[in-house]
Amino acid sequence: MANQPLTLPPPRSYTRTDFAALRAFVQRVPSATIARLYFDPETAPHAASKRRRARALSARDAR
């Protein structure tokens, strides 16, 4: 076997808002409320509508 270097994915970076939203999610705050309070629909497309939120959350849970 050849000695091959291990390639790692780039590290993820999370913002203060992401952690606040995660804290709200753990406290069972409804996703619509989290999206309204913590995310701007223009900069976070997954927070724009209920359908997009559901799709983003299901994609995240599938990882």
C-alpha atoms as a PDB file:
ATOM      1  CA  MET A   1       0.000   0.000   0.000  1.00  0.00           C
ATOM      2  CA  ALA A   2       1.199   3.460  -0.834  1.00  0.00           C
ATOM      3  CA  ASN A   3       1.463   6.066   1.839  1.00  0.00           C
ATOM      4  CA  GLN A   4      -1.143   8.698   0.905  1.00  0.00           C
ATOM      5  CA  PRO A   5      -1.776  11.906   2.839  1.00  0.00           C
ATOM      6  CA  LEU A   6      -5.146  12.223   4.489  1.00  0.00           C
ATOM      7  CA  THR A   7      -7.254  15.027   3.076  1.00  0.00           C
ATOM      8  CA  LEU A   8      -9.668  16.669   5.472  1.00  0.00           C
ATOM      9  CA  PRO A   9     -12.633  18.866   4.586  1.00  0.00           C
ATOM     10  CA  PRO A  10     -12.297  22.561   5.422  1.00  0.00           C
ATOM     11  CA  PRO A  11     -13.432  23.410   8.952  1.00  0.00           C
ATOM     12  CA  ARG A  12     -16.945  24.768   9.319  1.00  0.00           C
ATOM     13  CA  SER A  13     -17.464  28.186  10.769  1.00  0.00           C
ATOM     14  CA  TYR A  14     -20.537  29.181  12.727  1.00  0.00           C
ATOM     15  CA  THR A  15     -21.664  32.644  13.710  1.00  0.00           C
ATOM     16  CA  ARG A  16     -23.015  33.904  16.982  1.00  0.00           C
ATOM     17  CA  THR A  17     -26.492  33.905  15.410  1.00  0.00           C
ATOM     18  CA  ASP A  18     -26.129  30.256  14.393  1.00  0.00           C
ATOM     19  CA  PHE A  19     -25.379  29.264  17.982  1.00  0.00           C
ATOM     20  CA  ALA A  20     -28.286  31.351  19.305  1.00  0.00           C
ATOM     21  CA  ALA A  21     -30.614  29.662  16.817  1.00  0.00           C
ATOM     22  CA  LEU A  22     -29.272  26.254  17.835  1.00  0.00           C
ATOM     23  CA  ARG A  23     -29.923  27.062  21.489  1.00  0.00           C
ATOM     24  CA  ALA A  24     -33.513  28.018  20.617  1.00  0.00           C
ATOM     25  CA  PHE A  25     -33.913  24.804  18.598  1.00  0.00           C
ATOM     26  CA  VAL A  26     -32.741  22.694  21.551  1.00  0.00           C
ATOM     27  CA  GLN A  27     -35.262  24.510  23.736  1.00  0.00           C
ATOM     28  CA  ARG A  28     -37.974  23.418  21.267  1.00  0.00           C
ATOM     29  CA  VAL A  29     -38.799  26.872  19.931  1.00  0.00           C
ATOM     30  CA  PRO A  30     -40.815  26.477  16.691  1.00  0.00           C
ATOM     31  CA  SER A  31     -38.697  26.764  13.541  1.00  0.00           C
ATOM     32  CA  ALA A  32     -40.841  29.616  12.185  1.00  0.00           C
ATOM     33  CA  THR A  33     -40.074  31.645  15.311  1.00  0.00           C
ATOM     34  CA  ILE A  34     -36.358  30.861  15.085  1.00  0.00           C
ATOM     35  CA  ALA A  35     -36.264  31.940  11.446  1.00  0.00           C
ATOM     36  CA  ARG A  36     -38.124  35.161  12.183  1.00  0.00           C
ATOM     37  CA  LEU A  37     -36.010  36.092  15.211  1.00  0.00           C
ATOM     38  CA  TYR A  38     -32.528  35.083  14.130  1.00  0.00           C
ATOM     39  CA  PHE A  39     -32.323  35.077  10.321  1.00  0.00           C
ATOM     40  CA  ASP A  40     -32.870  37.697   7.650  1.00  0.00           C
ATOM     41  CA  PRO A  41     -34.798  36.230   4.676  1.00  0.00           C
ATOM     42  CA  GLU A  42     -32.670  38.212   2.222  1.00  0.00           C
ATOM     43  CA  THR A  43     -29.342  36.885   3.478  1.00  0.00           C
ATOM     44  CA  ALA A  44     -30.554  33.442   4.590  1.00  0.00           C
ATOM     45  CA  PRO A  45     -32.737  31.982   1.832  1.00  0.00           C
ATOM     46  CA  HIS A  46     -33.655  28.953   3.974  1.00  0.00           C
ATOM     47  CA  ALA A  47     -35.490  31.318   6.354  1.00  0.00           C
ATOM     48  CA  ALA A  48     -37.609  32.948   3.662  1.00  0.00           C
ATOM     49  CA  SER A  49     -40.619  30.640   3.747  1.00  0.00           C
ATOM     50  CA  LYS A  50     -42.042  27.732   5.681  1.00  0.00           C
ATOM     51  CA  ARG A  51     -41.431  25.362   2.767  1.00  0.00           C
ATOM     52  CA  ARG A  52     -37.762  26.362   2.442  1.00  0.00           C
ATOM     53  CA  ARG A  53     -37.246  26.046   6.214  1.00  0.00           C
ATOM     54  CA  ALA A  54     -38.677  22.535   6.190  1.00  0.00           C
ATOM     55  CA  ARG A  55     -36.470  21.551   3.247  1.00  0.00           C
ATOM     56  CA  ALA A  56     -33.356  23.025   4.887  1.00  0.00           C
ATOM     57  CA  LEU A  57     -34.068  21.313   8.196  1.00  0.00           C
ATOM     58  CA  SER A  58     -34.715  17.943   6.555  1.00  0.00           C
ATOM     59  CA  ALA A  59     -31.502  18.272   4.521  1.00  0.00           C
ATOM     60  CA  ARG A  60     -29.576  19.116   7.672  1.00  0.00           C
ATOM     61  CA  ASP A  61     -31.028  16.117   9.531  1.00  0.00           C
ATOM     62  CA  ALA A  62     -30.079  13.797   6.667  1.00  0.00           C
ATOM     63  CA  ARG A  63     -26.347  14.609   7.050  1.00  0.00           C
END
